[in-house]
Amino acid sequence: MNESDHDRQPEVEERLAAEQLDPSDFALLNTLRAHYDESDPVPDGLVERIQFHITLDALNTEVATLTQLDMAAAGARSATTEAVRTITFTSDSVTTMVTLTPLGDGTVRVDGWAAPGAGIRVEVLLPDGPRNTYADDDGRFVFESVPSGLAKFTLYVRRGEEFSTVLSPAIEL
């Protein structure tokens, strides 16, 4: 392969990856699956153990309740503040307020405050995967340019040597 072929390789791979699978692709994948099923099968009970641990994790998760306060409903009348929304999540271990500011490009800026919140890890769960950050000493955190759409927040709050997980209901960003 010469240098110009090497430079085009990623383009060729991207084009091939975008194509639909054909019968020869499915035949190859079935052959690979049969090989792994025979030479390295999934251990007995693995799926059940994974499901059990996921269930245990879910039992240890606090679900926060949601209170929403739109700035327009609070008496703010300017066009710039009417789009800003403030949402508060409350659970037994933490209260979290987020302000959502549309950026005009289909994304929002999320400014948040958690109490108590010093050093907690905050995730925003999105369809394309989670984004993580940490709250500062005052419990403040920021997510820049988050795509609009459904999202949930997960906060990992330290309780002694362990962490408690707090999950918000789904909201529209």
N, C-alpha and C. Protein backbone atom coordinates (compact mmCIF):
# COMPACT_ATOMS: atom_id res chain seq x y z
N MET A 1 0.85 -1.16 0.00
CA MET A 1 0.00 0.00 0.00
C MET A 1 0.90 1.23 0.00
N ASN A 2 0.67 2.14 -0.96
CA ASN A 2 1.47 3.35 -0.98
C ASN A 2 0.87 4.40 -0.05
N GLU A 3 1.54 5.55 0.05
CA GLU A 3 1.13 6.56 1.04
C GLU A 3 -0.26 7.12 0.74
N SER A 4 -0.60 7.35 -0.53
CA SER A 4 -1.92 7.92 -0.82
C SER A 4 -3.03 6.90 -0.54
N ASP A 5 -2.76 5.59 -0.74
CA ASP A 5 -3.74 4.56 -0.38
C ASP A 5 -3.94 4.54 1.12
N HIS A 6 -2.84 4.72 1.86
CA HIS A 6 -2.93 4.74 3.32
C HIS A 6 -3.77 5.92 3.81
N ASP A 7 -3.63 7.10 3.14
CA ASP A 7 -4.40 8.27 3.52
C ASP A 7 -5.89 8.08 3.26
N ARG A 8 -6.25 7.31 2.23
CA ARG A 8 -7.66 7.09 1.89
C ARG A 8 -8.28 5.95 2.67
N GLN A 9 -7.51 5.16 3.38
CA GLN A 9 -8.02 3.98 4.09
C GLN A 9 -9.17 4.31 5.04
N PRO A 10 -9.05 5.36 5.90
CA PRO A 10 -10.18 5.67 6.79
C PRO A 10 -11.45 6.01 6.02
N GLU A 11 -11.32 6.71 4.87
CA GLU A 11 -12.50 7.05 4.06
C GLU A 11 -13.16 5.79 3.53
N VAL A 12 -12.37 4.84 3.06
CA VAL A 12 -12.90 3.59 2.53
C VAL A 12 -13.60 2.81 3.64
N GLU A 13 -12.99 2.76 4.83
CA GLU A 13 -13.58 2.05 5.95
C GLU A 13 -14.90 2.69 6.38
N GLU A 14 -14.94 4.02 6.40
CA GLU A 14 -16.18 4.72 6.77
C GLU A 14 -17.28 4.43 5.74
N ARG A 15 -16.94 4.44 4.46
CA ARG A 15 -17.93 4.16 3.42
C ARG A 15 -18.45 2.74 3.55
N LEU A 16 -17.56 1.78 3.77
CA LEU A 16 -17.97 0.39 3.93
C LEU A 16 -18.82 0.20 5.19
N ALA A 17 -18.46 0.89 6.26
CA ALA A 17 -19.21 0.76 7.52
C ALA A 17 -20.62 1.31 7.38
N ALA A 18 -20.82 2.27 6.49
CA ALA A 18 -22.14 2.88 6.30
C ALA A 18 -23.06 2.04 5.42
N GLU A 19 -22.50 1.07 4.70
CA GLU A 19 -23.31 0.25 3.80
C GLU A 19 -24.15 -0.76 4.59
N GLN A 20 -25.24 -1.21 3.97
CA GLN A 20 -26.09 -2.24 4.54
C GLN A 20 -25.35 -3.58 4.53
N LEU A 21 -25.67 -4.43 5.52
CA LEU A 21 -25.10 -5.77 5.53
C LEU A 21 -25.77 -6.60 4.43
N ASP A 22 -24.97 -7.44 3.78
CA ASP A 22 -25.53 -8.31 2.73
C ASP A 22 -25.46 -9.76 3.22
N PRO A 23 -26.01 -10.70 2.45
CA PRO A 23 -26.02 -12.11 2.90
C PRO A 23 -24.63 -12.66 3.23
N SER A 24 -23.59 -12.25 2.50
CA SER A 24 -22.25 -12.76 2.81
C SER A 24 -21.76 -12.23 4.17
N ASP A 25 -22.16 -10.98 4.52
CA ASP A 25 -21.82 -10.44 5.84
C ASP A 25 -22.48 -11.27 6.94
N PHE A 26 -23.77 -11.56 6.77
CA PHE A 26 -24.48 -12.36 7.77
C PHE A 26 -23.90 -13.76 7.89
N ALA A 27 -23.49 -14.34 6.77
CA ALA A 27 -22.88 -15.68 6.81
C ALA A 27 -21.57 -15.64 7.60
N LEU A 28 -20.77 -14.62 7.37
CA LEU A 28 -19.51 -14.48 8.11
C LEU A 28 -19.77 -14.28 9.60
N LEU A 29 -20.73 -13.43 9.94
CA LEU A 29 -21.05 -13.21 11.35
C LEU A 29 -21.57 -14.48 12.01
N ASN A 30 -22.38 -15.25 11.31
CA ASN A 30 -22.89 -16.52 11.85
C ASN A 30 -21.75 -17.51 12.08
N THR A 31 -20.78 -17.53 11.18
CA THR A 31 -19.62 -18.41 11.34
C THR A 31 -18.81 -18.01 12.57
N LEU A 32 -18.60 -16.71 12.74
CA LEU A 32 -17.88 -16.22 13.92
C LEU A 32 -18.63 -16.56 15.21
N ARG A 33 -19.96 -16.36 15.20
CA ARG A 33 -20.75 -16.69 16.39
C ARG A 33 -20.64 -18.17 16.72
N ALA A 34 -20.74 -19.03 15.71
CA ALA A 34 -20.63 -20.48 15.94
C ALA A 34 -19.27 -20.83 16.51
N HIS A 35 -18.22 -20.19 16.00
CA HIS A 35 -16.87 -20.44 16.50
C HIS A 35 -16.77 -20.07 17.98
N TYR A 36 -17.24 -18.87 18.35
CA TYR A 36 -17.16 -18.45 19.75
C TYR A 36 -18.10 -19.25 20.65
N ASP A 37 -19.26 -19.64 20.14
CA ASP A 37 -20.16 -20.49 20.93
C ASP A 37 -19.49 -21.81 21.28
N GLU A 38 -18.68 -22.31 20.35
CA GLU A 38 -18.01 -23.60 20.58
C GLU A 38 -16.72 -23.45 21.40
N SER A 39 -15.90 -22.45 21.06
CA SER A 39 -14.58 -22.35 21.69
C SER A 39 -14.57 -21.51 22.97
N ASP A 40 -15.51 -20.57 23.11
CA ASP A 40 -15.52 -19.71 24.29
C ASP A 40 -16.96 -19.33 24.63
N PRO A 41 -17.76 -20.29 25.06
CA PRO A 41 -19.17 -20.01 25.32
C PRO A 41 -19.36 -19.12 26.55
N VAL A 42 -20.50 -18.45 26.58
CA VAL A 42 -20.86 -17.63 27.75
C VAL A 42 -21.01 -18.58 28.93
N PRO A 43 -20.36 -18.29 30.06
CA PRO A 43 -20.46 -19.19 31.22
C PRO A 43 -21.92 -19.34 31.69
N ASP A 44 -22.24 -20.54 32.14
CA ASP A 44 -23.57 -20.80 32.66
C ASP A 44 -23.88 -19.84 33.80
N GLY A 45 -25.05 -19.25 33.76
CA GLY A 45 -25.51 -18.38 34.84
C GLY A 45 -25.00 -16.95 34.77
N LEU A 46 -24.14 -16.62 33.81
CA LEU A 46 -23.58 -15.27 33.76
C LEU A 46 -24.68 -14.23 33.55
N VAL A 47 -25.57 -14.45 32.63
CA VAL A 47 -26.63 -13.48 32.35
C VAL A 47 -27.49 -13.27 33.60
N GLU A 48 -27.84 -14.34 34.28
CA GLU A 48 -28.66 -14.24 35.49
C GLU A 48 -27.92 -13.48 36.59
N ARG A 49 -26.60 -13.71 36.74
CA ARG A 49 -25.83 -12.99 37.75
C ARG A 49 -25.78 -11.50 37.44
N ILE A 50 -25.61 -11.16 36.17
CA ILE A 50 -25.58 -9.75 35.77
C ILE A 50 -26.92 -9.10 36.08
N GLN A 51 -28.02 -9.76 35.72
CA GLN A 51 -29.35 -9.21 35.98
C GLN A 51 -29.57 -9.04 37.49
N PHE A 52 -29.10 -9.98 38.28
CA PHE A 52 -29.24 -9.91 39.73
C PHE A 52 -28.51 -8.68 40.28
N HIS A 53 -27.27 -8.45 39.83
CA HIS A 53 -26.50 -7.31 40.32
C HIS A 53 -27.10 -5.99 39.88
N ILE A 54 -27.63 -5.95 38.67
CA ILE A 54 -28.31 -4.73 38.21
C ILE A 54 -29.51 -4.44 39.10
N THR A 55 -30.25 -5.49 39.45
CA THR A 55 -31.41 -5.32 40.33
C THR A 55 -30.98 -4.83 41.70
N LEU A 56 -29.89 -5.38 42.24
CA LEU A 56 -29.39 -4.91 43.54
C LEU A 56 -28.99 -3.45 43.48
N ASP A 57 -28.31 -3.05 42.40
CA ASP A 57 -27.93 -1.65 42.25
C ASP A 57 -29.17 -0.76 42.20
N ALA A 58 -30.21 -1.21 41.50
CA ALA A 58 -31.43 -0.42 41.39
C ALA A 58 -32.09 -0.26 42.76
N LEU A 59 -32.01 -1.28 43.61
CA LEU A 59 -32.60 -1.19 44.95
C LEU A 59 -31.90 -0.15 45.81
N ASN A 60 -30.62 0.09 45.54
CA ASN A 60 -29.85 1.07 46.31
C ASN A 60 -29.91 2.48 45.73
N THR A 61 -30.72 2.68 44.70
CA THR A 61 -30.81 3.97 44.05
C THR A 61 -31.99 4.76 44.60
N GLU A 62 -31.72 5.98 45.03
CA GLU A 62 -32.80 6.88 45.44
C GLU A 62 -33.35 7.53 44.18
N VAL A 63 -34.65 7.68 44.12
CA VAL A 63 -35.27 8.38 43.00
C VAL A 63 -35.72 9.74 43.51
N ALA A 64 -35.19 10.78 42.89
CA ALA A 64 -35.53 12.13 43.30
C ALA A 64 -36.90 12.52 42.75
N THR A 65 -37.59 13.40 43.46
CA THR A 65 -38.84 13.94 42.95
C THR A 65 -38.55 15.25 42.26
N LEU A 66 -39.43 15.65 41.38
CA LEU A 66 -39.18 16.79 40.50
C LEU A 66 -40.13 17.92 40.82
N THR A 67 -39.56 19.14 40.92
CA THR A 67 -40.34 20.37 40.99
C THR A 67 -39.79 21.27 39.91
N GLN A 68 -40.67 21.77 39.05
CA GLN A 68 -40.20 22.60 37.94
C GLN A 68 -40.74 24.01 38.11
N LEU A 69 -39.87 25.00 37.94
CA LEU A 69 -40.26 26.39 38.00
C LEU A 69 -39.76 27.06 36.74
N ASP A 70 -40.67 27.44 35.85
CA ASP A 70 -40.28 28.17 34.64
C ASP A 70 -40.15 29.64 34.99
N MET A 71 -39.12 30.28 34.49
CA MET A 71 -38.89 31.69 34.79
C MET A 71 -40.05 32.55 34.32
N ALA A 72 -40.70 32.22 33.21
CA ALA A 72 -41.82 33.01 32.71
C ALA A 72 -42.97 32.99 33.71
N ALA A 73 -43.19 31.86 34.37
CA ALA A 73 -44.26 31.74 35.35
C ALA A 73 -43.93 32.51 36.62
N ALA A 74 -42.67 32.82 36.83
CA ALA A 74 -42.26 33.52 38.04
C ALA A 74 -42.32 35.03 37.87
N GLY A 75 -42.81 35.51 36.72
CA GLY A 75 -42.96 36.94 36.51
C GLY A 75 -41.90 37.55 35.60
N ALA A 76 -40.90 36.77 35.17
CA ALA A 76 -39.89 37.29 34.24
C ALA A 76 -40.52 37.41 32.87
N ARG A 77 -40.34 38.54 32.19
CA ARG A 77 -41.04 38.77 30.94
C ARG A 77 -40.12 38.98 29.74
N SER A 78 -38.83 39.10 29.92
CA SER A 78 -37.97 39.35 28.77
C SER A 78 -37.84 38.08 27.94
N ALA A 79 -37.63 38.24 26.64
CA ALA A 79 -37.54 37.09 25.73
C ALA A 79 -36.37 36.19 26.08
N THR A 80 -35.29 36.77 26.61
CA THR A 80 -34.13 35.95 26.91
C THR A 80 -34.33 35.09 28.14
N THR A 81 -35.06 35.60 29.14
CA THR A 81 -35.23 34.81 30.35
C THR A 81 -36.40 33.84 30.27
N GLU A 82 -37.37 34.08 29.35
CA GLU A 82 -38.50 33.17 29.25
C GLU A 82 -38.05 31.77 28.83
N ALA A 83 -36.96 31.68 28.07
CA ALA A 83 -36.49 30.38 27.60
C ALA A 83 -35.71 29.63 28.68
N VAL A 84 -35.20 30.32 29.68
CA VAL A 84 -34.43 29.70 30.75
C VAL A 84 -35.39 29.00 31.70
N ARG A 85 -35.08 27.74 32.02
CA ARG A 85 -35.91 26.97 32.95
C ARG A 85 -35.07 26.54 34.12
N THR A 86 -35.67 26.57 35.29
CA THR A 86 -35.02 26.10 36.50
C THR A 86 -35.81 24.91 37.01
N ILE A 87 -35.11 23.82 37.30
CA ILE A 87 -35.75 22.59 37.74
C ILE A 87 -35.05 22.14 39.02
N THR A 88 -35.83 21.73 39.99
CA THR A 88 -35.28 21.25 41.26
C THR A 88 -35.67 19.80 41.47
N PHE A 89 -34.68 18.98 41.85
CA PHE A 89 -34.87 17.58 42.20
C PHE A 89 -34.57 17.43 43.67
N THR A 90 -35.41 16.71 44.37
CA THR A 90 -35.21 16.53 45.80
C THR A 90 -35.27 15.05 46.15
N SER A 91 -34.33 14.61 46.98
CA SER A 91 -34.35 13.25 47.53
C SER A 91 -33.99 13.35 49.00
N ASP A 92 -33.95 12.21 49.69
CA ASP A 92 -33.60 12.22 51.11
C ASP A 92 -32.18 12.71 51.36
N SER A 93 -31.27 12.47 50.41
CA SER A 93 -29.87 12.77 50.69
C SER A 93 -29.32 14.00 49.98
N VAL A 94 -30.02 14.51 48.96
CA VAL A 94 -29.48 15.66 48.22
C VAL A 94 -30.62 16.41 47.53
N THR A 95 -30.44 17.72 47.44
CA THR A 95 -31.34 18.57 46.66
C THR A 95 -30.50 19.17 45.54
N THR A 96 -31.04 19.11 44.33
CA THR A 96 -30.30 19.58 43.17
C THR A 96 -31.16 20.53 42.37
N MET A 97 -30.60 21.67 41.99
CA MET A 97 -31.29 22.62 41.13
C MET A 97 -30.46 22.77 39.86
N VAL A 98 -31.12 22.69 38.71
CA VAL A 98 -30.44 22.92 37.44
C VAL A 98 -31.16 24.03 36.69
N THR A 99 -30.37 24.87 36.06
CA THR A 99 -30.89 25.91 35.18
C THR A 99 -30.50 25.54 33.77
N LEU A 100 -31.50 25.49 32.89
CA LEU A 100 -31.30 25.10 31.50
C LEU A 100 -31.41 26.34 30.63
N THR A 101 -30.33 26.65 29.92
CA THR A 101 -30.30 27.83 29.06
C THR A 101 -30.08 27.39 27.61
N PRO A 102 -31.08 27.59 26.73
CA PRO A 102 -30.91 27.23 25.32
C PRO A 102 -29.79 28.05 24.69
N LEU A 103 -28.97 27.39 23.88
CA LEU A 103 -27.85 28.08 23.25
C LEU A 103 -28.13 28.45 21.79
N GLY A 104 -29.30 28.07 21.28
CA GLY A 104 -29.67 28.47 19.93
C GLY A 104 -29.20 27.55 18.83
N ASP A 105 -28.40 26.56 19.16
CA ASP A 105 -27.90 25.62 18.14
C ASP A 105 -28.42 24.21 18.39
N GLY A 106 -29.53 24.10 19.13
CA GLY A 106 -30.08 22.78 19.45
C GLY A 106 -29.48 22.18 20.71
N THR A 107 -28.66 22.96 21.42
CA THR A 107 -28.07 22.49 22.66
C THR A 107 -28.46 23.43 23.80
N VAL A 108 -28.23 22.97 25.02
CA VAL A 108 -28.48 23.80 26.20
C VAL A 108 -27.25 23.78 27.09
N ARG A 109 -27.11 24.84 27.86
CA ARG A 109 -26.10 24.88 28.92
C ARG A 109 -26.83 24.52 30.21
N VAL A 110 -26.23 23.62 30.98
CA VAL A 110 -26.81 23.20 32.24
C VAL A 110 -25.91 23.71 33.36
N ASP A 111 -26.46 24.62 34.16
CA ASP A 111 -25.78 25.09 35.37
C ASP A 111 -26.50 24.46 36.54
N GLY A 112 -25.76 23.78 37.42
CA GLY A 112 -26.41 23.08 38.51
C GLY A 112 -25.75 23.34 39.84
N TRP A 113 -26.56 23.12 40.89
CA TRP A 113 -26.10 23.24 42.26
C TRP A 113 -26.69 22.10 43.05
N ALA A 114 -25.87 21.42 43.82
CA ALA A 114 -26.33 20.31 44.66
C ALA A 114 -25.98 20.63 46.11
N ALA A 115 -26.91 20.29 47.01
CA ALA A 115 -26.67 20.52 48.43
C ALA A 115 -27.10 19.30 49.22
N PRO A 116 -26.23 18.70 50.03
CA PRO A 116 -24.79 18.98 50.06
C PRO A 116 -24.15 18.42 48.78
N GLY A 117 -23.17 19.13 48.27
CA GLY A 117 -22.69 18.71 46.96
C GLY A 117 -21.20 18.78 46.73
N ALA A 118 -20.41 19.15 47.70
CA ALA A 118 -18.98 19.30 47.48
C ALA A 118 -18.38 17.99 46.99
N GLY A 119 -17.83 18.02 45.78
CA GLY A 119 -17.10 16.89 45.24
C GLY A 119 -17.92 15.74 44.72
N ILE A 120 -19.26 15.85 44.66
CA ILE A 120 -20.03 14.71 44.16
C ILE A 120 -19.90 14.61 42.65
N ARG A 121 -20.00 13.38 42.17
CA ARG A 121 -19.96 13.15 40.72
C ARG A 121 -21.38 13.29 40.19
N VAL A 122 -21.51 14.02 39.09
CA VAL A 122 -22.81 14.25 38.47
C VAL A 122 -22.73 13.74 37.03
N GLU A 123 -23.74 12.97 36.65
CA GLU A 123 -23.86 12.50 35.26
C GLU A 123 -25.15 13.04 34.68
N VAL A 124 -25.10 13.41 33.42
CA VAL A 124 -26.32 13.65 32.67
C VAL A 124 -26.41 12.49 31.68
N LEU A 125 -27.50 11.72 31.76
CA LEU A 125 -27.68 10.53 30.94
C LEU A 125 -28.43 10.93 29.68
N LEU A 126 -27.78 10.74 28.54
CA LEU A 126 -28.32 11.14 27.23
C LEU A 126 -28.44 9.92 26.33
N PRO A 127 -29.27 10.00 25.29
CA PRO A 127 -29.38 8.86 24.36
C PRO A 127 -28.05 8.44 23.75
N ASP A 128 -27.12 9.40 23.54
CA ASP A 128 -25.83 9.04 22.94
C ASP A 128 -24.77 8.70 23.98
N GLY A 129 -25.17 8.58 25.24
CA GLY A 129 -24.23 8.21 26.31
C GLY A 129 -24.15 9.27 27.38
N PRO A 130 -23.59 8.91 28.54
CA PRO A 130 -23.53 9.86 29.65
C PRO A 130 -22.39 10.86 29.51
N ARG A 131 -22.57 11.99 30.17
CA ARG A 131 -21.50 12.98 30.34
C ARG A 131 -21.32 13.16 31.84
N ASN A 132 -20.08 13.29 32.28
CA ASN A 132 -19.75 13.35 33.71
C ASN A 132 -19.04 14.64 34.05
N THR A 133 -19.26 15.08 35.27
CA THR A 133 -18.51 16.19 35.84
C THR A 133 -18.55 16.05 37.35
N TYR A 134 -17.84 16.91 38.04
CA TYR A 134 -17.83 16.92 39.50
C TYR A 134 -18.27 18.29 39.99
N ALA A 135 -19.02 18.30 41.08
CA ALA A 135 -19.41 19.56 41.72
C ALA A 135 -18.21 20.13 42.46
N ASP A 136 -18.11 21.45 42.46
CA ASP A 136 -17.02 22.10 43.20
C ASP A 136 -17.35 22.13 44.70
N ASP A 137 -16.53 22.82 45.49
CA ASP A 137 -16.71 22.85 46.95
C ASP A 137 -18.06 23.42 47.37
N ASP A 138 -18.65 24.26 46.51
CA ASP A 138 -19.96 24.86 46.81
C ASP A 138 -21.12 24.04 46.22
N GLY A 139 -20.81 22.91 45.59
CA GLY A 139 -21.85 22.07 44.99
C GLY A 139 -22.25 22.48 43.59
N ARG A 140 -21.50 23.40 42.96
CA ARG A 140 -21.82 23.89 41.62
C ARG A 140 -21.19 23.01 40.56
N PHE A 141 -21.96 22.76 39.47
CA PHE A 141 -21.45 22.01 38.33
C PHE A 141 -22.03 22.59 37.04
N VAL A 142 -21.35 22.32 35.92
CA VAL A 142 -21.77 22.86 34.62
C VAL A 142 -21.58 21.79 33.55
N PHE A 143 -22.55 21.71 32.64
CA PHE A 143 -22.42 20.93 31.41
C PHE A 143 -22.65 21.91 30.26
N GLU A 144 -21.65 22.03 29.39
CA GLU A 144 -21.75 22.93 28.24
C GLU A 144 -22.32 22.17 27.05
N SER A 145 -23.12 22.82 26.24
CA SER A 145 -23.59 22.31 24.95
C SER A 145 -24.14 20.88 25.02
N VAL A 146 -25.14 20.68 25.84
CA VAL A 146 -25.80 19.37 25.95
C VAL A 146 -26.91 19.33 24.91
N PRO A 147 -26.99 18.26 24.11
CA PRO A 147 -28.05 18.20 23.09
C PRO A 147 -29.44 18.25 23.73
N SER A 148 -30.34 18.99 23.09
CA SER A 148 -31.73 19.04 23.55
C SER A 148 -32.35 17.66 23.42
N GLY A 149 -33.30 17.35 24.28
CA GLY A 149 -33.97 16.06 24.26
C GLY A 149 -34.13 15.53 25.66
N LEU A 150 -34.59 14.27 25.75
CA LEU A 150 -34.79 13.66 27.06
C LEU A 150 -33.45 13.37 27.74
N ALA A 151 -33.42 13.58 29.05
CA ALA A 151 -32.20 13.32 29.82
C ALA A 151 -32.60 13.03 31.27
N LYS A 152 -31.69 12.37 31.98
CA LYS A 152 -31.81 12.15 33.41
C LYS A 152 -30.49 12.57 34.04
N PHE A 153 -30.55 12.92 35.31
CA PHE A 153 -29.35 13.24 36.06
C PHE A 153 -29.13 12.15 37.11
N THR A 154 -27.89 11.75 37.26
CA THR A 154 -27.50 10.81 38.31
C THR A 154 -26.43 11.49 39.15
N LEU A 155 -26.64 11.48 40.47
CA LEU A 155 -25.67 12.06 41.40
C LEU A 155 -25.16 10.95 42.29
N TYR A 156 -23.85 10.91 42.48
CA TYR A 156 -23.21 9.92 43.33
C TYR A 156 -22.73 10.63 44.59
N VAL A 157 -23.48 10.46 45.66
CA VAL A 157 -23.27 11.18 46.90
C VAL A 157 -22.52 10.30 47.88
N ARG A 158 -21.42 10.80 48.44
CA ARG A 158 -20.63 10.04 49.40
C ARG A 158 -21.37 9.96 50.73
N ARG A 159 -21.46 8.72 51.24
CA ARG A 159 -21.98 8.45 52.58
C ARG A 159 -20.93 7.63 53.31
N GLY A 160 -20.07 8.29 54.03
CA GLY A 160 -18.97 7.59 54.67
C GLY A 160 -18.01 7.05 53.63
N GLU A 161 -17.81 5.74 53.64
CA GLU A 161 -16.91 5.10 52.68
C GLU A 161 -17.62 4.66 51.41
N GLU A 162 -18.95 4.74 51.37
CA GLU A 162 -19.72 4.28 50.22
C GLU A 162 -20.39 5.45 49.53
N PHE A 163 -20.96 5.18 48.35
CA PHE A 163 -21.67 6.19 47.59
C PHE A 163 -23.13 5.80 47.48
N SER A 164 -23.98 6.78 47.57
CA SER A 164 -25.41 6.62 47.34
C SER A 164 -25.70 7.16 45.95
N THR A 165 -26.54 6.49 45.21
CA THR A 165 -26.90 6.95 43.86
C THR A 165 -28.28 7.59 43.91
N VAL A 166 -28.38 8.79 43.36
CA VAL A 166 -29.65 9.51 43.29
C VAL A 166 -29.95 9.73 41.81
N LEU A 167 -31.13 9.30 41.37
CA LEU A 167 -31.52 9.38 39.98
C LEU A 167 -32.72 10.31 39.84
N SER A 168 -32.64 11.23 38.91
CA SER A 168 -33.76 12.15 38.67
C SER A 168 -34.74 11.50 37.70
N PRO A 169 -35.97 12.00 37.66
CA PRO A 169 -36.88 11.57 36.61
C PRO A 169 -36.37 12.13 35.26
N ALA A 170 -36.86 11.59 34.18
CA ALA A 170 -36.48 12.09 32.86
C ALA A 170 -37.09 13.47 32.65
N ILE A 171 -36.30 14.37 32.07
CA ILE A 171 -36.78 15.70 31.74
C ILE A 171 -36.41 16.02 30.30
N GLU A 172 -37.10 16.98 29.75
CA GLU A 172 -36.80 17.45 28.40
C GLU A 172 -35.85 18.64 28.51
N LEU A 173 -34.67 18.51 27.92
CA LEU A 173 -33.71 19.63 27.92
C LEU A 173 -34.00 20.54 26.76
